[in-house]
Every structure is written in structure tokens, then in C-alpha cells.
Amino acid sequence: MTTEILTHPSRIKVPYTWSAGETLSRFFKALRDEQKILGIRCPRCQKVYAPPKKTCGTCFVECSEWLEVGPSGTLLSFTQASYVSPAHRSSKPFFGLIRLDGADTAFFHLLGETNLQSLKIGIKVSPVFAEKRTGSILDILYFRAAN
């Protein structure tokens, strides 16, 4: 005889605090306290990671040379959310893949003060910092086309 397995959909809300770790804490503190964007260089291959990584993803050695990158960068790619969500700061926001000046890697962030017609791959963008910063990636409100 086979037993029918029943399931019940539910939702669990669990409060959780995670550690940014030593490397990202230094990165977030520089955003919060100085409005600076820090990168870190691999001692072997010289790749500059921004945001920083403790270990080089290519060489697997510990990175320790900190440097300021950006704040301007190049828009490598972009997209627009095709739906409205409470998780978005605005209706159907734009997101960009940005390589900051002096960095070899890129990161994904919000784009603001823009529209689809003005976005082009290769344009220079610069960050707009939050007035009240808390030590998170959202201390950069968004990137906008550089003047």
C-alpha cells in the first residue's frame, strides 16, 4: 500500500542578521563615511575587484591592496524591470552593469534620472549618494549619466 504524501504551503518569517565580513565591512564603511568606492587588487594577476573580494576568483590568492576606484564608470549593459514590485524603489526601474574607472570587474546597480532613449552601452555614469547613509550598497542611490 502506498501512502499519499500531503503538503501544506506556508510562510516562515525568520529575523536574520548577516555579517558583511572584514572585506565588505571596509567597503561599506568607506561608502557610508567618506562617499568613496574602494576596490582591492590581486597581488598575482593585478585584477582590481570592485566591490572588493577577499580572494581573487582567478588566482585564488588573498587580496590585500586597497585602492579607491571610480567614482565614475562605464555602463556595460542595462535592463529595465518589466513589472512593478514593492521591492523596487520606483516603478519599473532601470538596472545597469557598471565597471568603475580603475576596476577590472563590474557590478549591478540601479540607474536613475534616465529613460530608455538616453541609455547607451559605453556611456559614462557617476554615482548619486544617499543623504543619510547606513553602510550598505544602497548608500549609492543610483548611477546617472555623467555630465
C-alpha atoms as a PDB file:
ATOM      1  CA  MET A   1       0.000   0.000   0.000  1.00  0.00           C
ATOM      2  CA  THR A   2       1.318   3.472  -0.955  1.00  0.00           C
ATOM      3  CA  THR A   3       0.859   6.362   1.415  1.00  0.00           C
ATOM      4  CA  GLU A   4      -0.272   9.639  -0.092  1.00  0.00           C
ATOM      5  CA  ILE A   5       2.158  12.400   0.897  1.00  0.00           C
ATOM      6  CA  LEU A   6       0.384  15.669   1.574  1.00  0.00           C
ATOM      7  CA  THR A   7       1.945  19.111   1.582  1.00  0.00           C
ATOM      8  CA  HIS A   8       0.799  22.337   3.105  1.00  0.00           C
ATOM      9  CA  PRO A   9       2.010  25.692   1.771  1.00  0.00           C
ATOM     10  CA  SER A  10       3.054  28.102   4.466  1.00  0.00           C
ATOM     11  CA  ARG A  11       5.366  31.002   5.078  1.00  0.00           C
ATOM     12  CA  ILE A  12       8.022  31.353   7.748  1.00  0.00           C
ATOM     13  CA  LYS A  13       9.348  34.758   8.724  1.00  0.00           C
ATOM     14  CA  VAL A  14      12.689  34.466  10.447  1.00  0.00           C
ATOM     15  CA  PRO A  15      14.619  37.558  11.562  1.00  0.00           C
ATOM     16  CA  TYR A  16      18.234  37.237  10.492  1.00  0.00           C
ATOM     17  CA  THR A  17      21.344  39.386  10.647  1.00  0.00           C
ATOM     18  CA  TRP A  18      24.301  38.515   8.456  1.00  0.00           C
ATOM     19  CA  SER A  19      27.885  39.625   8.725  1.00  0.00           C
ATOM     20  CA  ALA A  20      29.374  41.541   5.817  1.00  0.00           C
ATOM     21  CA  GLY A  21      32.776  40.253   6.890  1.00  0.00           C
ATOM     22  CA  GLU A  22      36.011  42.187   7.147  1.00  0.00           C
ATOM     23  CA  THR A  23      36.398  42.966   3.434  1.00  0.00           C
ATOM     24  CA  LEU A  24      32.885  44.180   2.648  1.00  0.00           C
ATOM     25  CA  SER A  25      32.642  45.986   6.001  1.00  0.00           C
ATOM     26  CA  ARG A  26      35.612  48.138   4.985  1.00  0.00           C
ATOM     27  CA  PHE A  27      33.972  48.754   1.581  1.00  0.00           C
ATOM     28  CA  PHE A  28      30.613  49.710   3.145  1.00  0.00           C
ATOM     29  CA  LYS A  29      32.236  51.955   5.780  1.00  0.00           C
ATOM     30  CA  ALA A  30      34.030  53.911   3.032  1.00  0.00           C
ATOM     31  CA  LEU A  31      30.700  54.361   1.210  1.00  0.00           C
ATOM     32  CA  ARG A  32      28.969  55.459   4.404  1.00  0.00           C
ATOM     33  CA  ASP A  33      31.622  57.667   5.973  1.00  0.00           C
ATOM     34  CA  GLU A  34      33.568  59.091   3.024  1.00  0.00           C
ATOM     35  CA  GLN A  35      31.408  58.557  -0.071  1.00  0.00           C
ATOM     36  CA  LYS A  36      34.339  56.650  -1.542  1.00  0.00           C
ATOM     37  CA  ILE A  37      34.196  53.447  -3.538  1.00  0.00           C
ATOM     38  CA  LEU A  38      37.017  51.063  -2.733  1.00  0.00           C
ATOM     39  CA  GLY A  39      38.417  48.236  -4.789  1.00  0.00           C
ATOM     40  CA  ILE A  40      41.033  45.638  -3.991  1.00  0.00           C
ATOM     41  CA  ARG A  41      43.873  44.363  -6.199  1.00  0.00           C
ATOM     42  CA  CYS A  42      45.052  40.784  -6.566  1.00  0.00           C
ATOM     43  CA  PRO A  43      48.790  40.621  -5.849  1.00  0.00           C
ATOM     44  CA  ARG A  44      49.333  37.939  -8.506  1.00  0.00           C
ATOM     45  CA  CYS A  45      47.226  38.843 -11.584  1.00  0.00           C
ATOM     46  CA  GLN A  46      46.734  42.541 -10.668  1.00  0.00           C
ATOM     47  CA  LYS A  47      42.951  42.362 -11.294  1.00  0.00           C
ATOM     48  CA  VAL A  48      41.087  45.074  -9.389  1.00  0.00           C
ATOM     49  CA  TYR A  49      37.788  43.948  -7.886  1.00  0.00           C
ATOM     50  CA  ALA A  50      35.040  46.470  -7.150  1.00  0.00           C
ATOM     51  CA  PRO A  51      33.190  45.634  -4.978  1.00  0.00           C
ATOM     52  CA  PRO A  52      36.204  44.035  -3.303  1.00  0.00           C
ATOM     53  CA  LYS A  53      36.683  40.311  -2.770  1.00  0.00           C
ATOM     54  CA  LYS A  54      38.844  38.761  -0.086  1.00  0.00           C
ATOM     55  CA  THR A  55      40.150  36.134  -2.510  1.00  0.00           C
ATOM     56  CA  CYS A  56      40.900  36.520  -6.221  1.00  0.00           C
ATOM     57  CA  GLY A  57      38.463  34.489  -8.283  1.00  0.00           C
ATOM     58  CA  THR A  58      41.147  33.765 -10.880  1.00  0.00           C
ATOM     59  CA  CYS A  59      44.289  33.109  -8.796  1.00  0.00           C
ATOM     60  CA  PHE A  60      42.681  32.035  -5.506  1.00  0.00           C
ATOM     61  CA  VAL A  61      45.132  34.156  -3.516  1.00  0.00           C
ATOM     62  CA  GLU A  62      44.198  36.632  -0.806  1.00  0.00           C
ATOM     63  CA  CYS A  63      43.785  40.227  -1.963  1.00  0.00           C
ATOM     64  CA  SER A  64      45.093  42.937   0.326  1.00  0.00           C
ATOM     65  CA  GLU A  65      45.972  46.079  -1.692  1.00  0.00           C
ATOM     66  CA  TRP A  66      43.120  48.549  -1.236  1.00  0.00           C
ATOM     67  CA  LEU A  67      42.602  51.440  -3.643  1.00  0.00           C
ATOM     68  CA  GLU A  68      39.932  53.987  -4.463  1.00  0.00           C
ATOM     69  CA  VAL A  69      38.128  53.383  -7.762  1.00  0.00           C
ATOM     70  CA  GLY A  70      35.646  55.463  -9.724  1.00  0.00           C
ATOM     71  CA  PRO A  71      33.510  57.117  -8.694  1.00  0.00           C
ATOM     72  CA  SER A  72      32.633  57.344 -12.409  1.00  0.00           C
ATOM     73  CA  GLY A  73      32.387  54.276 -14.547  1.00  0.00           C
ATOM     74  CA  THR A  74      31.251  52.849 -17.858  1.00  0.00           C
ATOM     75  CA  LEU A  75      27.832  51.346 -18.481  1.00  0.00           C
ATOM     76  CA  LEU A  76      28.472  47.867 -19.909  1.00  0.00           C
ATOM     77  CA  SER A  77      24.868  46.706 -20.114  1.00  0.00           C
ATOM     78  CA  PHE A  78      21.430  47.650 -18.819  1.00  0.00           C
ATOM     79  CA  THR A  79      17.908  46.413 -18.445  1.00  0.00           C
ATOM     80  CA  GLN A  80      14.566  47.612 -17.171  1.00  0.00           C
ATOM     81  CA  ALA A  81      12.285  45.699 -14.847  1.00  0.00           C
ATOM     82  CA  SER A  82       9.137  44.923 -16.802  1.00  0.00           C
ATOM     83  CA  TYR A  83       6.924  44.739 -13.736  1.00  0.00           C
ATOM     84  CA  VAL A  84       6.036  46.779 -10.695  1.00  0.00           C
ATOM     85  CA  SER A  85       7.160  45.342  -7.350  1.00  0.00           C
ATOM     86  CA  PRO A  86       7.168  46.549  -3.749  1.00  0.00           C
ATOM     87  CA  ALA A  87      10.857  45.573  -3.740  1.00  0.00           C
ATOM     88  CA  HIS A  88      11.630  48.269  -6.322  1.00  0.00           C
ATOM     89  CA  ARG A  89      12.287  51.852  -5.285  1.00  0.00           C
ATOM     90  CA  SER A  90      10.415  53.108  -8.339  1.00  0.00           C
ATOM     91  CA  SER A  91       8.021  51.770 -10.932  1.00  0.00           C
ATOM     92  CA  LYS A  92       9.865  49.596 -13.476  1.00  0.00           C
ATOM     93  CA  PRO A  93      13.390  50.758 -12.563  1.00  0.00           C
ATOM     94  CA  PHE A  94      16.482  50.568 -14.749  1.00  0.00           C
ATOM     95  CA  PHE A  95      19.484  48.495 -13.688  1.00  0.00           C
ATOM     96  CA  GLY A  96      22.992  48.677 -15.085  1.00  0.00           C
ATOM     97  CA  LEU A  97      26.165  46.650 -15.149  1.00  0.00           C
ATOM     98  CA  ILE A  98      28.862  49.211 -14.354  1.00  0.00           C
ATOM     99  CA  ARG A  99      32.657  48.966 -14.500  1.00  0.00           C
ATOM    100  CA  LEU A 100      34.105  51.737 -12.355  1.00  0.00           C
ATOM    101  CA  ASP A 101      37.182  53.616 -13.548  1.00  0.00           C
ATOM    102  CA  GLY A 102      40.235  51.788 -12.245  1.00  0.00           C
ATOM    103  CA  ALA A 103      38.392  48.471 -11.756  1.00  0.00           C
ATOM    104  CA  ASP A 104      38.518  45.322 -13.875  1.00  0.00           C
ATOM    105  CA  THR A 105      35.200  43.909 -12.700  1.00  0.00           C
ATOM    106  CA  ALA A 106      31.675  45.278 -12.874  1.00  0.00           C
ATOM    107  CA  PHE A 107      28.700  45.331 -10.586  1.00  0.00           C
ATOM    108  CA  PHE A 108      24.946  45.585 -10.940  1.00  0.00           C
ATOM    109  CA  HIS A 109      23.209  48.683  -9.593  1.00  0.00           C
ATOM    110  CA  LEU A 110      20.229  50.972 -10.088  1.00  0.00           C
ATOM    111  CA  LEU A 111      20.241  53.650 -12.778  1.00  0.00           C
ATOM    112  CA  GLY A 112      18.362  56.883 -12.154  1.00  0.00           C
ATOM    113  CA  GLU A 113      17.489  60.186 -13.786  1.00  0.00           C
ATOM    114  CA  THR A 114      17.242  58.387 -17.101  1.00  0.00           C
ATOM    115  CA  ASN A 115      14.975  56.896 -19.731  1.00  0.00           C
ATOM    116  CA  LEU A 116      15.360  54.153 -22.295  1.00  0.00           C
ATOM    117  CA  GLN A 117      16.249  56.588 -25.082  1.00  0.00           C
ATOM    118  CA  SER A 118      19.188  58.105 -23.186  1.00  0.00           C
ATOM    119  CA  LEU A 119      20.767  54.809 -22.112  1.00  0.00           C
ATOM    120  CA  LYS A 120      23.563  53.560 -24.352  1.00  0.00           C
ATOM    121  CA  ILE A 121      26.216  50.945 -23.728  1.00  0.00           C
ATOM    122  CA  GLY A 122      29.528  52.705 -23.202  1.00  0.00           C
ATOM    123  CA  ILE A 123      28.249  55.950 -21.659  1.00  0.00           C
ATOM    124  CA  LYS A 124      29.965  57.309 -18.570  1.00  0.00           C
ATOM    125  CA  VAL A 125      27.934  57.173 -15.372  1.00  0.00           C
ATOM    126  CA  SER A 126      28.517  58.569 -11.893  1.00  0.00           C
ATOM    127  CA  PRO A 127      27.027  57.696  -8.502  1.00  0.00           C
ATOM    128  CA  VAL A 128      24.428  59.654  -6.565  1.00  0.00           C
ATOM    129  CA  PHE A 129      24.923  59.030  -2.853  1.00  0.00           C
ATOM    130  CA  ALA A 130      22.157  58.889  -0.274  1.00  0.00           C
ATOM    131  CA  GLU A 131      21.991  61.853   2.067  1.00  0.00           C
ATOM    132  CA  LYS A 132      21.685  59.536   5.074  1.00  0.00           C
ATOM    133  CA  ARG A 133      23.993  56.570   4.601  1.00  0.00           C
ATOM    134  CA  THR A 134      23.820  53.364   6.635  1.00  0.00           C
ATOM    135  CA  GLY A 135      26.723  51.238   5.431  1.00  0.00           C
ATOM    136  CA  SER A 136      25.145  49.261   2.589  1.00  0.00           C
ATOM    137  CA  ILE A 137      25.346  49.167  -1.198  1.00  0.00           C
ATOM    138  CA  LEU A 138      22.198  51.319  -1.207  1.00  0.00           C
ATOM    139  CA  ASP A 139      24.298  54.191   0.136  1.00  0.00           C
ATOM    140  CA  ILE A 140      24.719  54.672  -3.601  1.00  0.00           C
ATOM    141  CA  LEU A 141      21.122  55.561  -4.501  1.00  0.00           C
ATOM    142  CA  TYR A 142      21.780  55.034  -8.214  1.00  0.00           C
ATOM    143  CA  PHE A 143      24.111  55.881 -11.051  1.00  0.00           C
ATOM    144  CA  ARG A 144      23.220  58.551 -13.614  1.00  0.00           C
ATOM    145  CA  ALA A 145      24.751  59.674 -16.881  1.00  0.00           C
ATOM    146  CA  ALA A 146      27.877  61.713 -16.142  1.00  0.00           C
ATOM    147  CA  ASN A 147      27.908  65.322 -17.296  1.00  0.00           C
END
